[in-house]
Amino acid sequence: MTLPLAPFLTVWAVLAMNIASPGPNVLNTIASALGSGRKAGLASAAGVAVGIGLWCLGMTLGMAAVFQAVPAARTALTLLAIGLLLWFAGRYLRAALAGWQGGAGRVTGRSGLGMRASFTRSLAVNAMNPKALTTWVVILSLFPAAEARAGDIAVLGLGAATLAFSIHAGYALAFSTAPAARLWARLAPAISAAVGLFFAGFAARLALGLAAG
């Protein structure tokens, strides 16, 4: 690893908040565990980990080439990231408000999923999740991809995959029963509010960094 630890920690913090927040991947993992048991839930968590690891490698390698060819692309990406972070923040804060007003939905289990089916379903959900693409656009505005070496990218991807599996495995183990799923539905608005405020703060941090630069 040739880069300092700070950018890795920043990326992993943003990624952890996004992985843990209510969305297609989280709902799929909880539904798999609730309807088909903890093994299916853990297989879903493994699918999320592999999917996020692949997103990390693909986006980091691709954008590293872009940054080397067009250095000004980083400024453009940072401006895009600020807009996306504010959009994320607005979405999560609106979701929190809707949940507190009684609009949060109940999680329905998916029965009959074996470990292989749960894993492949999770990969498919991850691949088709627009949140994944926009998240990595934001993350790559925080990570010096142009200066990264193969070892740096490997560490970033391994850390991202480990975070994804750990968080989703926690969901699979904790929310594999109907009472736990109902508890999650009650907690979801508070989680969304916290994530929304976190993303708004990061948008402000990026904007201040651009202004100072």
N, C-alpha and C. Protein backbone atom coordinates (compact mmCIF):
# COMPACT_ATOMS: atom_id res chain seq x y z
N MET A 1 0.86 -1.19 0.00
CA MET A 1 0.00 0.00 0.00
C MET A 1 0.89 1.24 0.00
N THR A 2 0.70 2.13 -0.97
CA THR A 2 1.55 3.32 -1.09
C THR A 2 0.85 4.60 -0.63
N LEU A 3 -0.46 4.62 -0.60
CA LEU A 3 -1.19 5.82 -0.19
C LEU A 3 -1.34 5.87 1.32
N PRO A 4 -1.50 7.06 1.89
CA PRO A 4 -1.76 7.14 3.35
C PRO A 4 -3.11 6.54 3.69
N LEU A 5 -3.29 6.25 4.98
CA LEU A 5 -4.50 5.56 5.43
C LEU A 5 -5.73 6.45 5.37
N ALA A 6 -5.57 7.77 5.50
CA ALA A 6 -6.71 8.68 5.64
C ALA A 6 -7.75 8.55 4.52
N PRO A 7 -7.35 8.55 3.23
CA PRO A 7 -8.39 8.44 2.20
C PRO A 7 -9.14 7.11 2.23
N PHE A 8 -8.47 6.04 2.65
CA PHE A 8 -9.16 4.75 2.78
C PHE A 8 -10.23 4.84 3.86
N LEU A 9 -9.87 5.43 5.00
CA LEU A 9 -10.83 5.54 6.10
C LEU A 9 -12.02 6.41 5.72
N THR A 10 -11.76 7.48 4.97
CA THR A 10 -12.85 8.36 4.52
C THR A 10 -13.80 7.60 3.61
N VAL A 11 -13.25 6.88 2.64
CA VAL A 11 -14.08 6.11 1.71
C VAL A 11 -14.87 5.05 2.46
N TRP A 12 -14.22 4.33 3.35
CA TRP A 12 -14.91 3.26 4.05
C TRP A 12 -16.00 3.81 4.97
N ALA A 13 -15.80 5.00 5.55
CA ALA A 13 -16.83 5.60 6.39
C ALA A 13 -18.07 5.94 5.56
N VAL A 14 -17.85 6.59 4.40
CA VAL A 14 -18.98 6.93 3.53
C VAL A 14 -19.68 5.66 3.05
N LEU A 15 -18.87 4.67 2.66
CA LEU A 15 -19.43 3.42 2.15
C LEU A 15 -20.22 2.68 3.22
N ALA A 16 -19.70 2.67 4.44
CA ALA A 16 -20.40 1.97 5.53
C ALA A 16 -21.77 2.59 5.78
N MET A 17 -21.84 3.92 5.77
CA MET A 17 -23.13 4.57 5.97
C MET A 17 -24.11 4.21 4.85
N ASN A 18 -23.60 4.16 3.63
CA ASN A 18 -24.48 3.86 2.50
C ASN A 18 -24.89 2.39 2.50
N ILE A 19 -23.98 1.50 2.83
CA ILE A 19 -24.31 0.07 2.88
C ILE A 19 -25.35 -0.21 3.95
N ALA A 20 -25.22 0.45 5.09
CA ALA A 20 -26.12 0.19 6.21
C ALA A 20 -27.49 0.82 6.04
N SER A 21 -27.59 1.82 5.15
CA SER A 21 -28.85 2.56 5.03
C SER A 21 -29.91 1.74 4.29
N PRO A 22 -31.18 1.95 4.59
CA PRO A 22 -32.26 1.22 3.92
C PRO A 22 -32.23 1.43 2.41
N GLY A 23 -32.28 0.36 1.67
CA GLY A 23 -32.24 0.41 0.21
C GLY A 23 -32.45 -0.97 -0.37
N PRO A 24 -32.35 -1.14 -1.69
CA PRO A 24 -32.63 -2.44 -2.31
C PRO A 24 -31.78 -3.58 -1.75
N ASN A 25 -30.48 -3.35 -1.54
CA ASN A 25 -29.64 -4.44 -1.03
C ASN A 25 -30.02 -4.86 0.38
N VAL A 26 -30.24 -3.88 1.25
CA VAL A 26 -30.61 -4.18 2.64
C VAL A 26 -31.95 -4.90 2.69
N LEU A 27 -32.94 -4.39 1.96
CA LEU A 27 -34.25 -5.03 1.96
C LEU A 27 -34.18 -6.45 1.42
N ASN A 28 -33.35 -6.67 0.39
CA ASN A 28 -33.22 -8.01 -0.17
C ASN A 28 -32.59 -8.97 0.83
N THR A 29 -31.56 -8.53 1.54
CA THR A 29 -30.92 -9.39 2.54
C THR A 29 -31.88 -9.74 3.67
N ILE A 30 -32.60 -8.74 4.17
CA ILE A 30 -33.54 -9.00 5.26
C ILE A 30 -34.66 -9.93 4.79
N ALA A 31 -35.18 -9.68 3.58
CA ALA A 31 -36.26 -10.52 3.06
C ALA A 31 -35.80 -11.95 2.86
N SER A 32 -34.57 -12.14 2.40
CA SER A 32 -34.03 -13.49 2.20
C SER A 32 -33.89 -14.21 3.53
N ALA A 33 -33.34 -13.51 4.54
CA ALA A 33 -33.18 -14.13 5.86
C ALA A 33 -34.52 -14.40 6.52
N LEU A 34 -35.45 -13.47 6.36
CA LEU A 34 -36.76 -13.61 7.01
C LEU A 34 -37.55 -14.77 6.41
N GLY A 35 -37.51 -14.92 5.08
CA GLY A 35 -38.31 -15.94 4.43
C GLY A 35 -37.64 -17.28 4.26
N SER A 36 -36.30 -17.28 4.15
CA SER A 36 -35.60 -18.53 3.83
C SER A 36 -34.52 -18.92 4.84
N GLY A 37 -34.41 -18.17 5.91
CA GLY A 37 -33.49 -18.55 6.97
C GLY A 37 -32.16 -17.82 6.93
N ARG A 38 -31.39 -18.02 8.00
CA ARG A 38 -30.15 -17.27 8.15
C ARG A 38 -29.10 -17.64 7.11
N LYS A 39 -29.05 -18.92 6.70
CA LYS A 39 -28.06 -19.30 5.69
C LYS A 39 -28.31 -18.55 4.39
N ALA A 40 -29.58 -18.45 4.00
CA ALA A 40 -29.90 -17.68 2.78
C ALA A 40 -29.55 -16.21 2.97
N GLY A 41 -29.78 -15.68 4.17
CA GLY A 41 -29.43 -14.29 4.45
C GLY A 41 -27.93 -14.06 4.38
N LEU A 42 -27.15 -15.01 4.91
CA LEU A 42 -25.70 -14.87 4.86
C LEU A 42 -25.19 -15.01 3.42
N ALA A 43 -25.84 -15.87 2.63
CA ALA A 43 -25.47 -15.99 1.22
C ALA A 43 -25.77 -14.68 0.49
N SER A 44 -26.87 -14.04 0.85
CA SER A 44 -27.18 -12.73 0.27
C SER A 44 -26.12 -11.71 0.66
N ALA A 45 -25.68 -11.76 1.91
CA ALA A 45 -24.62 -10.85 2.36
C ALA A 45 -23.34 -11.07 1.56
N ALA A 46 -23.02 -12.34 1.28
CA ALA A 46 -21.84 -12.64 0.47
C ALA A 46 -21.99 -12.09 -0.95
N GLY A 47 -23.21 -12.15 -1.49
CA GLY A 47 -23.46 -11.59 -2.82
C GLY A 47 -23.24 -10.09 -2.85
N VAL A 48 -23.68 -9.41 -1.81
CA VAL A 48 -23.47 -7.96 -1.72
C VAL A 48 -21.97 -7.66 -1.66
N ALA A 49 -21.23 -8.45 -0.86
CA ALA A 49 -19.79 -8.23 -0.72
C ALA A 49 -19.07 -8.37 -2.06
N VAL A 50 -19.39 -9.44 -2.80
CA VAL A 50 -18.76 -9.65 -4.10
C VAL A 50 -19.15 -8.53 -5.06
N GLY A 51 -20.43 -8.17 -5.07
CA GLY A 51 -20.90 -7.11 -5.96
C GLY A 51 -20.22 -5.78 -5.70
N ILE A 52 -20.10 -5.41 -4.43
CA ILE A 52 -19.46 -4.14 -4.09
C ILE A 52 -17.97 -4.18 -4.38
N GLY A 53 -17.34 -5.34 -4.16
CA GLY A 53 -15.94 -5.47 -4.53
C GLY A 53 -15.72 -5.27 -6.02
N LEU A 54 -16.61 -5.83 -6.84
CA LEU A 54 -16.50 -5.67 -8.30
C LEU A 54 -16.75 -4.22 -8.71
N TRP A 55 -17.76 -3.56 -8.09
CA TRP A 55 -18.00 -2.14 -8.37
C TRP A 55 -16.74 -1.33 -8.05
N CYS A 56 -16.12 -1.65 -6.92
CA CYS A 56 -14.92 -0.92 -6.49
C CYS A 56 -13.80 -1.06 -7.52
N LEU A 57 -13.50 -2.29 -7.93
CA LEU A 57 -12.42 -2.52 -8.88
C LEU A 57 -12.71 -1.85 -10.22
N GLY A 58 -13.94 -2.06 -10.72
CA GLY A 58 -14.28 -1.50 -12.03
C GLY A 58 -14.24 0.01 -12.06
N MET A 59 -14.87 0.63 -11.07
CA MET A 59 -14.93 2.09 -11.05
C MET A 59 -13.56 2.71 -10.76
N THR A 60 -12.80 2.12 -9.82
CA THR A 60 -11.51 2.71 -9.46
C THR A 60 -10.53 2.61 -10.61
N LEU A 61 -10.44 1.45 -11.24
CA LEU A 61 -9.52 1.28 -12.36
C LEU A 61 -9.93 2.18 -13.53
N GLY A 62 -11.22 2.25 -13.81
CA GLY A 62 -11.69 3.07 -14.92
C GLY A 62 -11.45 4.55 -14.69
N MET A 63 -11.78 5.03 -13.50
CA MET A 63 -11.62 6.45 -13.24
C MET A 63 -10.15 6.84 -13.07
N ALA A 64 -9.30 5.90 -12.63
CA ALA A 64 -7.88 6.21 -12.54
C ALA A 64 -7.33 6.55 -13.92
N ALA A 65 -7.77 5.80 -14.92
CA ALA A 65 -7.33 6.08 -16.30
C ALA A 65 -7.85 7.44 -16.77
N VAL A 66 -9.11 7.75 -16.42
CA VAL A 66 -9.68 9.05 -16.81
C VAL A 66 -8.92 10.19 -16.16
N PHE A 67 -8.62 10.07 -14.87
CA PHE A 67 -7.92 11.15 -14.15
C PHE A 67 -6.52 11.38 -14.71
N GLN A 68 -5.85 10.29 -15.12
CA GLN A 68 -4.52 10.44 -15.69
C GLN A 68 -4.58 11.14 -17.04
N ALA A 69 -5.61 10.83 -17.83
CA ALA A 69 -5.73 11.43 -19.16
C ALA A 69 -6.26 12.86 -19.09
N VAL A 70 -7.20 13.12 -18.16
CA VAL A 70 -7.84 14.44 -18.06
C VAL A 70 -7.83 14.88 -16.59
N PRO A 71 -6.77 15.52 -16.12
CA PRO A 71 -6.68 15.90 -14.71
C PRO A 71 -7.86 16.75 -14.24
N ALA A 72 -8.42 17.59 -15.12
CA ALA A 72 -9.55 18.44 -14.71
C ALA A 72 -10.80 17.64 -14.41
N ALA A 73 -10.81 16.36 -14.78
CA ALA A 73 -11.99 15.53 -14.54
C ALA A 73 -12.27 15.38 -13.05
N ARG A 74 -11.22 15.48 -12.21
CA ARG A 74 -11.45 15.34 -10.77
C ARG A 74 -12.32 16.48 -10.23
N THR A 75 -12.07 17.71 -10.70
CA THR A 75 -12.90 18.83 -10.26
C THR A 75 -14.35 18.64 -10.69
N ALA A 76 -14.52 18.20 -11.95
CA ALA A 76 -15.88 17.96 -12.44
C ALA A 76 -16.56 16.86 -11.64
N LEU A 77 -15.80 15.81 -11.31
CA LEU A 77 -16.37 14.71 -10.53
C LEU A 77 -16.73 15.17 -9.13
N THR A 78 -15.92 16.04 -8.55
CA THR A 78 -16.22 16.55 -7.21
C THR A 78 -17.51 17.36 -7.21
N LEU A 79 -17.70 18.19 -8.23
CA LEU A 79 -18.95 18.96 -8.34
C LEU A 79 -20.15 18.02 -8.48
N LEU A 80 -19.98 16.97 -9.30
CA LEU A 80 -21.05 15.98 -9.45
C LEU A 80 -21.32 15.27 -8.13
N ALA A 81 -20.24 14.95 -7.42
CA ALA A 81 -20.39 14.26 -6.13
C ALA A 81 -21.15 15.12 -5.12
N ILE A 82 -20.87 16.43 -5.10
CA ILE A 82 -21.59 17.32 -4.18
C ILE A 82 -23.09 17.28 -4.49
N GLY A 83 -23.42 17.36 -5.78
CA GLY A 83 -24.83 17.28 -6.16
C GLY A 83 -25.47 15.96 -5.78
N LEU A 84 -24.75 14.86 -5.98
CA LEU A 84 -25.29 13.54 -5.64
C LEU A 84 -25.45 13.38 -4.14
N LEU A 85 -24.48 13.88 -3.38
CA LEU A 85 -24.59 13.79 -1.93
C LEU A 85 -25.80 14.56 -1.41
N LEU A 86 -26.03 15.74 -1.96
CA LEU A 86 -27.21 16.51 -1.55
C LEU A 86 -28.50 15.80 -1.97
N TRP A 87 -28.46 15.16 -3.14
CA TRP A 87 -29.63 14.39 -3.59
C TRP A 87 -29.88 13.21 -2.66
N PHE A 88 -28.79 12.48 -2.31
CA PHE A 88 -28.90 11.38 -1.35
C PHE A 88 -29.49 11.89 -0.03
N ALA A 89 -28.94 13.00 0.45
CA ALA A 89 -29.38 13.53 1.74
C ALA A 89 -30.88 13.85 1.70
N GLY A 90 -31.31 14.49 0.62
CA GLY A 90 -32.73 14.81 0.50
C GLY A 90 -33.60 13.57 0.47
N ARG A 91 -33.17 12.55 -0.28
CA ARG A 91 -33.95 11.31 -0.37
C ARG A 91 -34.08 10.64 1.00
N TYR A 92 -32.95 10.55 1.73
CA TYR A 92 -32.99 9.86 3.02
C TYR A 92 -33.78 10.66 4.05
N LEU A 93 -33.68 11.97 4.03
CA LEU A 93 -34.45 12.77 4.97
C LEU A 93 -35.94 12.70 4.67
N ARG A 94 -36.31 12.68 3.37
CA ARG A 94 -37.72 12.51 3.02
C ARG A 94 -38.22 11.12 3.43
N ALA A 95 -37.37 10.10 3.24
CA ALA A 95 -37.77 8.74 3.65
C ALA A 95 -37.96 8.67 5.15
N ALA A 96 -37.09 9.35 5.90
CA ALA A 96 -37.23 9.37 7.36
C ALA A 96 -38.54 10.03 7.76
N LEU A 97 -38.86 11.17 7.12
CA LEU A 97 -40.10 11.87 7.44
C LEU A 97 -41.31 11.01 7.11
N ALA A 98 -41.27 10.34 5.95
CA ALA A 98 -42.39 9.47 5.58
C ALA A 98 -42.55 8.32 6.56
N GLY A 99 -41.42 7.77 7.02
CA GLY A 99 -41.49 6.69 8.00
C GLY A 99 -42.08 7.13 9.32
N TRP A 100 -41.68 8.31 9.77
CA TRP A 100 -42.21 8.82 11.04
C TRP A 100 -43.70 9.19 10.92
N GLN A 101 -44.14 9.48 9.70
CA GLN A 101 -45.55 9.80 9.49
C GLN A 101 -46.39 8.56 9.21
N GLY A 102 -45.76 7.39 9.29
CA GLY A 102 -46.51 6.15 9.13
C GLY A 102 -46.42 5.54 7.76
N GLY A 103 -45.47 6.01 6.94
CA GLY A 103 -45.38 5.48 5.59
C GLY A 103 -44.38 4.36 5.41
N ALA A 104 -43.70 3.93 6.47
CA ALA A 104 -42.72 2.85 6.34
C ALA A 104 -43.41 1.53 6.08
N GLY A 105 -42.90 0.80 5.13
CA GLY A 105 -43.52 -0.47 4.75
C GLY A 105 -42.97 -1.64 5.56
N ARG A 106 -43.75 -2.73 5.59
CA ARG A 106 -43.33 -3.94 6.28
C ARG A 106 -42.49 -4.79 5.33
N VAL A 107 -41.44 -5.39 5.85
CA VAL A 107 -40.59 -6.26 5.04
C VAL A 107 -41.24 -7.62 4.92
N THR A 108 -41.40 -8.10 3.69
CA THR A 108 -41.99 -9.41 3.43
C THR A 108 -40.90 -10.40 3.08
N GLY A 109 -40.89 -11.56 3.74
CA GLY A 109 -39.86 -12.56 3.49
C GLY A 109 -40.02 -13.24 2.14
N ARG A 110 -38.89 -13.67 1.57
CA ARG A 110 -38.89 -14.44 0.33
C ARG A 110 -38.55 -15.88 0.68
N SER A 111 -39.53 -16.75 0.56
CA SER A 111 -39.34 -18.14 0.95
C SER A 111 -38.78 -18.96 -0.20
N GLY A 112 -38.23 -20.11 0.16
CA GLY A 112 -37.78 -21.07 -0.84
C GLY A 112 -36.44 -20.78 -1.48
N LEU A 113 -35.68 -19.85 -0.94
CA LEU A 113 -34.38 -19.52 -1.53
C LEU A 113 -33.29 -20.36 -0.88
N GLY A 114 -32.56 -21.12 -1.71
CA GLY A 114 -31.36 -21.79 -1.24
C GLY A 114 -30.20 -20.80 -1.21
N MET A 115 -29.04 -21.26 -0.75
CA MET A 115 -27.90 -20.36 -0.63
C MET A 115 -27.44 -19.86 -2.00
N ARG A 116 -27.42 -20.76 -3.00
CA ARG A 116 -26.98 -20.33 -4.33
C ARG A 116 -27.95 -19.32 -4.93
N ALA A 117 -29.25 -19.61 -4.82
CA ALA A 117 -30.25 -18.69 -5.37
C ALA A 117 -30.20 -17.35 -4.67
N SER A 118 -30.01 -17.38 -3.36
CA SER A 118 -29.94 -16.13 -2.60
C SER A 118 -28.70 -15.32 -3.00
N PHE A 119 -27.58 -16.01 -3.20
CA PHE A 119 -26.34 -15.33 -3.59
C PHE A 119 -26.49 -14.68 -4.97
N THR A 120 -27.00 -15.43 -5.95
CA THR A 120 -27.12 -14.88 -7.30
C THR A 120 -28.17 -13.76 -7.35
N ARG A 121 -29.24 -13.91 -6.58
CA ARG A 121 -30.24 -12.84 -6.53
C ARG A 121 -29.62 -11.56 -5.97
N SER A 122 -28.82 -11.71 -4.92
CA SER A 122 -28.17 -10.55 -4.32
C SER A 122 -27.22 -9.87 -5.30
N LEU A 123 -26.46 -10.67 -6.06
CA LEU A 123 -25.57 -10.10 -7.08
C LEU A 123 -26.37 -9.31 -8.11
N ALA A 124 -27.51 -9.87 -8.53
CA ALA A 124 -28.33 -9.20 -9.54
C ALA A 124 -28.89 -7.89 -9.01
N VAL A 125 -29.38 -7.90 -7.78
CA VAL A 125 -29.90 -6.67 -7.17
C VAL A 125 -28.81 -5.61 -7.10
N ASN A 126 -27.59 -6.04 -6.72
CA ASN A 126 -26.47 -5.10 -6.62
C ASN A 126 -26.10 -4.53 -7.98
N ALA A 127 -26.09 -5.37 -8.99
CA ALA A 127 -25.70 -4.92 -10.33
C ALA A 127 -26.70 -3.93 -10.91
N MET A 128 -27.99 -4.10 -10.57
CA MET A 128 -29.03 -3.24 -11.14
C MET A 128 -29.42 -2.09 -10.22
N ASN A 129 -28.69 -1.93 -9.13
CA ASN A 129 -29.01 -0.90 -8.15
C ASN A 129 -28.36 0.43 -8.56
N PRO A 130 -29.14 1.43 -9.00
CA PRO A 130 -28.53 2.70 -9.41
C PRO A 130 -27.79 3.39 -8.27
N LYS A 131 -28.17 3.07 -7.03
CA LYS A 131 -27.48 3.66 -5.89
C LYS A 131 -26.01 3.26 -5.86
N ALA A 132 -25.70 2.05 -6.35
CA ALA A 132 -24.32 1.58 -6.35
C ALA A 132 -23.45 2.45 -7.26
N LEU A 133 -23.95 2.72 -8.48
CA LEU A 133 -23.18 3.53 -9.42
C LEU A 133 -22.96 4.94 -8.88
N THR A 134 -24.01 5.59 -8.43
CA THR A 134 -23.87 6.96 -7.94
C THR A 134 -23.02 7.02 -6.68
N THR A 135 -23.09 5.99 -5.85
CA THR A 135 -22.25 5.95 -4.66
C THR A 135 -20.78 5.94 -5.02
N TRP A 136 -20.41 5.14 -6.02
CA TRP A 136 -19.00 5.06 -6.39
C TRP A 136 -18.53 6.33 -7.09
N VAL A 137 -19.42 7.04 -7.76
CA VAL A 137 -19.05 8.35 -8.30
C VAL A 137 -18.65 9.28 -7.16
N VAL A 138 -19.45 9.27 -6.10
CA VAL A 138 -19.13 10.09 -4.92
C VAL A 138 -17.82 9.65 -4.30
N ILE A 139 -17.67 8.35 -4.11
CA ILE A 139 -16.48 7.84 -3.41
C ILE A 139 -15.20 8.18 -4.16
N LEU A 140 -15.24 8.10 -5.49
CA LEU A 140 -14.03 8.36 -6.25
C LEU A 140 -13.66 9.84 -6.30
N SER A 141 -14.57 10.71 -5.85
CA SER A 141 -14.18 12.11 -5.68
C SER A 141 -13.39 12.28 -4.38
N LEU A 142 -13.43 11.28 -3.50
CA LEU A 142 -12.74 11.35 -2.21
C LEU A 142 -11.44 10.56 -2.20
N PHE A 143 -11.24 9.69 -3.19
CA PHE A 143 -10.09 8.80 -3.20
C PHE A 143 -9.14 9.17 -4.33
N PRO A 144 -7.83 9.28 -4.07
CA PRO A 144 -6.88 9.66 -5.12
C PRO A 144 -6.58 8.51 -6.08
N ALA A 145 -7.55 8.20 -6.94
CA ALA A 145 -7.43 7.03 -7.81
C ALA A 145 -6.26 7.16 -8.78
N ALA A 146 -5.96 8.37 -9.23
CA ALA A 146 -4.87 8.56 -10.20
C ALA A 146 -3.52 8.19 -9.61
N GLU A 147 -3.34 8.36 -8.29
CA GLU A 147 -2.07 8.04 -7.65
C GLU A 147 -2.04 6.62 -7.10
N ALA A 148 -3.16 5.92 -7.16
CA ALA A 148 -3.25 4.60 -6.54
C ALA A 148 -2.50 3.56 -7.35
N ARG A 149 -1.86 2.63 -6.65
CA ARG A 149 -1.21 1.49 -7.27
C ARG A 149 -2.11 0.25 -7.10
N ALA A 150 -1.69 -0.84 -7.70
CA ALA A 150 -2.51 -2.05 -7.65
C ALA A 150 -2.81 -2.48 -6.21
N GLY A 151 -1.80 -2.37 -5.35
CA GLY A 151 -2.00 -2.75 -3.94
C GLY A 151 -3.01 -1.86 -3.25
N ASP A 152 -2.99 -0.56 -3.55
CA ASP A 152 -3.95 0.36 -2.95
C ASP A 152 -5.37 0.00 -3.35
N ILE A 153 -5.57 -0.27 -4.65
CA ILE A 153 -6.90 -0.61 -5.15
C ILE A 153 -7.37 -1.94 -4.55
N ALA A 154 -6.42 -2.88 -4.41
CA ALA A 154 -6.78 -4.17 -3.80
C ALA A 154 -7.23 -3.98 -2.35
N VAL A 155 -6.50 -3.14 -1.60
CA VAL A 155 -6.87 -2.88 -0.20
C VAL A 155 -8.23 -2.18 -0.13
N LEU A 156 -8.44 -1.20 -1.00
CA LEU A 156 -9.73 -0.50 -1.02
C LEU A 156 -10.88 -1.46 -1.30
N GLY A 157 -10.69 -2.32 -2.32
CA GLY A 157 -11.74 -3.27 -2.67
C GLY A 157 -11.98 -4.30 -1.59
N LEU A 158 -10.90 -4.82 -0.99
CA LEU A 158 -11.05 -5.81 0.07
C LEU A 158 -11.75 -5.20 1.29
N GLY A 159 -11.39 -3.97 1.62
CA GLY A 159 -12.06 -3.31 2.74
C GLY A 159 -13.52 -3.07 2.46
N ALA A 160 -13.84 -2.66 1.22
CA ALA A 160 -15.24 -2.43 0.84
C ALA A 160 -16.04 -3.71 0.92
N ALA A 161 -15.48 -4.81 0.40
CA ALA A 161 -16.18 -6.09 0.43
C ALA A 161 -16.37 -6.59 1.86
N THR A 162 -15.34 -6.40 2.69
CA THR A 162 -15.44 -6.84 4.09
C THR A 162 -16.51 -6.05 4.83
N LEU A 163 -16.55 -4.74 4.61
CA LEU A 163 -17.59 -3.92 5.22
C LEU A 163 -18.97 -4.38 4.79
N ALA A 164 -19.12 -4.61 3.47
CA ALA A 164 -20.42 -5.01 2.95
C ALA A 164 -20.89 -6.32 3.56
N PHE A 165 -19.98 -7.30 3.61
CA PHE A 165 -20.38 -8.59 4.18
C PHE A 165 -20.71 -8.46 5.66
N SER A 166 -19.87 -7.75 6.40
CA SER A 166 -20.09 -7.63 7.85
C SER A 166 -21.43 -6.97 8.17
N ILE A 167 -21.73 -5.88 7.48
CA ILE A 167 -22.98 -5.15 7.76
C ILE A 167 -24.19 -5.99 7.35
N HIS A 168 -24.13 -6.59 6.16
CA HIS A 168 -25.29 -7.38 5.71
C HIS A 168 -25.42 -8.69 6.48
N ALA A 169 -24.31 -9.27 6.89
CA ALA A 169 -24.40 -10.46 7.75
C ALA A 169 -25.06 -10.10 9.07
N GLY A 170 -24.74 -8.91 9.58
CA GLY A 170 -25.41 -8.46 10.80
C GLY A 170 -26.91 -8.33 10.61
N TYR A 171 -27.32 -7.77 9.47
CA TYR A 171 -28.76 -7.69 9.18
C TYR A 171 -29.36 -9.09 9.06
N ALA A 172 -28.67 -9.99 8.36
CA ALA A 172 -29.21 -11.34 8.17
C ALA A 172 -29.39 -12.07 9.49
N LEU A 173 -28.43 -11.91 10.39
CA LEU A 173 -28.52 -12.59 11.68
C LEU A 173 -29.51 -11.91 12.63
N ALA A 174 -29.56 -10.60 12.58
CA ALA A 174 -30.41 -9.88 13.53
C ALA A 174 -31.87 -9.85 13.13
N PHE A 175 -32.14 -9.83 11.81
CA PHE A 175 -33.51 -9.61 11.35
C PHE A 175 -34.06 -10.80 10.58
N SER A 176 -33.77 -11.99 11.07
CA SER A 176 -34.26 -13.19 10.39
C SER A 176 -35.55 -13.72 11.00
N THR A 177 -36.18 -12.95 11.87
CA THR A 177 -37.47 -13.33 12.44
C THR A 177 -38.46 -12.20 12.22
N ALA A 178 -39.75 -12.53 12.23
CA ALA A 178 -40.77 -11.51 11.98
C ALA A 178 -40.74 -10.37 13.01
N PRO A 179 -40.61 -10.66 14.33
CA PRO A 179 -40.54 -9.54 15.28
C PRO A 179 -39.35 -8.62 15.02
N ALA A 180 -38.21 -9.22 14.64
CA ALA A 180 -37.03 -8.40 14.36
C ALA A 180 -37.25 -7.54 13.13
N ALA A 181 -37.91 -8.10 12.11
CA ALA A 181 -38.19 -7.32 10.90
C ALA A 181 -39.10 -6.14 11.21
N ARG A 182 -40.06 -6.36 12.11
CA ARG A 182 -40.94 -5.24 12.50
C ARG A 182 -40.15 -4.18 13.26
N LEU A 183 -39.18 -4.62 14.09
CA LEU A 183 -38.32 -3.67 14.79
C LEU A 183 -37.50 -2.86 13.79
N TRP A 184 -36.97 -3.53 12.75
CA TRP A 184 -36.20 -2.83 11.73
C TRP A 184 -37.05 -1.76 11.05
N ALA A 185 -38.31 -2.08 10.76
CA ALA A 185 -39.20 -1.11 10.11
C ALA A 185 -39.37 0.13 10.99
N ARG A 186 -39.38 -0.08 12.32
CA ARG A 186 -39.51 1.07 13.22
C ARG A 186 -38.20 1.87 13.28
N LEU A 187 -37.06 1.18 13.15
CA LEU A 187 -35.78 1.86 13.23
C LEU A 187 -35.38 2.54 11.92
N ALA A 188 -35.94 2.07 10.79
CA ALA A 188 -35.52 2.55 9.47
C ALA A 188 -35.58 4.07 9.34
N PRO A 189 -36.63 4.76 9.82
CA PRO A 189 -36.64 6.22 9.66
C PRO A 189 -35.48 6.92 10.36
N ALA A 190 -35.13 6.46 11.57
CA ALA A 190 -34.01 7.08 12.28
C ALA A 190 -32.70 6.82 11.55
N ILE A 191 -32.54 5.61 11.00
CA ILE A 191 -31.34 5.30 10.23
C ILE A 191 -31.26 6.21 9.00
N SER A 192 -32.39 6.37 8.31
CA SER A 192 -32.41 7.22 7.12
C SER A 192 -32.07 8.66 7.46
N ALA A 193 -32.60 9.15 8.59
CA ALA A 193 -32.32 10.54 8.99
C ALA A 193 -30.83 10.73 9.28
N ALA A 194 -30.23 9.77 9.99
CA ALA A 194 -28.81 9.87 10.31
C ALA A 194 -27.96 9.86 9.04
N VAL A 195 -28.30 8.98 8.11
CA VAL A 195 -27.55 8.90 6.85
C VAL A 195 -27.72 10.19 6.05
N GLY A 196 -28.93 10.73 6.02
CA GLY A 196 -29.17 11.96 5.29
C GLY A 196 -28.32 13.11 5.82
N LEU A 197 -28.26 13.25 7.13
CA LEU A 197 -27.45 14.30 7.74
C LEU A 197 -25.95 14.08 7.47
N PHE A 198 -25.54 12.81 7.51
CA PHE A 198 -24.14 12.47 7.24
C PHE A 198 -23.75 12.89 5.83
N PHE A 199 -24.60 12.56 4.84
CA PHE A 199 -24.29 12.90 3.46
C PHE A 199 -24.32 14.41 3.23
N ALA A 200 -25.24 15.11 3.89
CA ALA A 200 -25.28 16.57 3.76
C ALA A 200 -23.98 17.18 4.31
N GLY A 201 -23.49 16.64 5.41
CA GLY A 201 -22.24 17.12 5.97
C GLY A 201 -21.06 16.87 5.05
N PHE A 202 -21.04 15.71 4.39
CA PHE A 202 -19.95 15.44 3.46
C PHE A 202 -20.02 16.35 2.24
N ALA A 203 -21.23 16.66 1.78
CA ALA A 203 -21.37 17.59 0.66
C ALA A 203 -20.79 18.95 1.03
N ALA A 204 -21.08 19.41 2.25
CA ALA A 204 -20.54 20.69 2.71
C ALA A 204 -19.01 20.63 2.79
N ARG A 205 -18.49 19.51 3.24
CA ARG A 205 -17.04 19.36 3.35
C ARG A 205 -16.38 19.43 1.98
N LEU A 206 -16.95 18.74 0.99
CA LEU A 206 -16.40 18.79 -0.37
C LEU A 206 -16.47 20.20 -0.94
N ALA A 207 -17.60 20.88 -0.71
CA ALA A 207 -17.76 22.25 -1.23
C ALA A 207 -16.73 23.19 -0.62
N LEU A 208 -16.50 23.05 0.68
CA LEU A 208 -15.50 23.90 1.34
C LEU A 208 -14.10 23.60 0.81
N GLY A 209 -13.85 22.31 0.53
CA GLY A 209 -12.55 21.94 -0.03
C GLY A 209 -12.31 22.55 -1.39
N LEU A 210 -13.34 22.56 -2.24
CA LEU A 210 -13.22 23.19 -3.56
C LEU A 210 -13.00 24.69 -3.43
N ALA A 211 -13.74 25.33 -2.51
CA ALA A 211 -13.61 26.77 -2.34
C ALA A 211 -12.20 27.14 -1.83
N ALA A 212 -11.69 26.30 -0.92
CA ALA A 212 -10.37 26.57 -0.39
C ALA A 212 -9.27 26.34 -1.42
N GLY A 213 -9.55 25.38 -2.37
CA GLY A 213 -8.55 25.08 -3.40
C GLY A 213 -8.48 26.16 -4.44
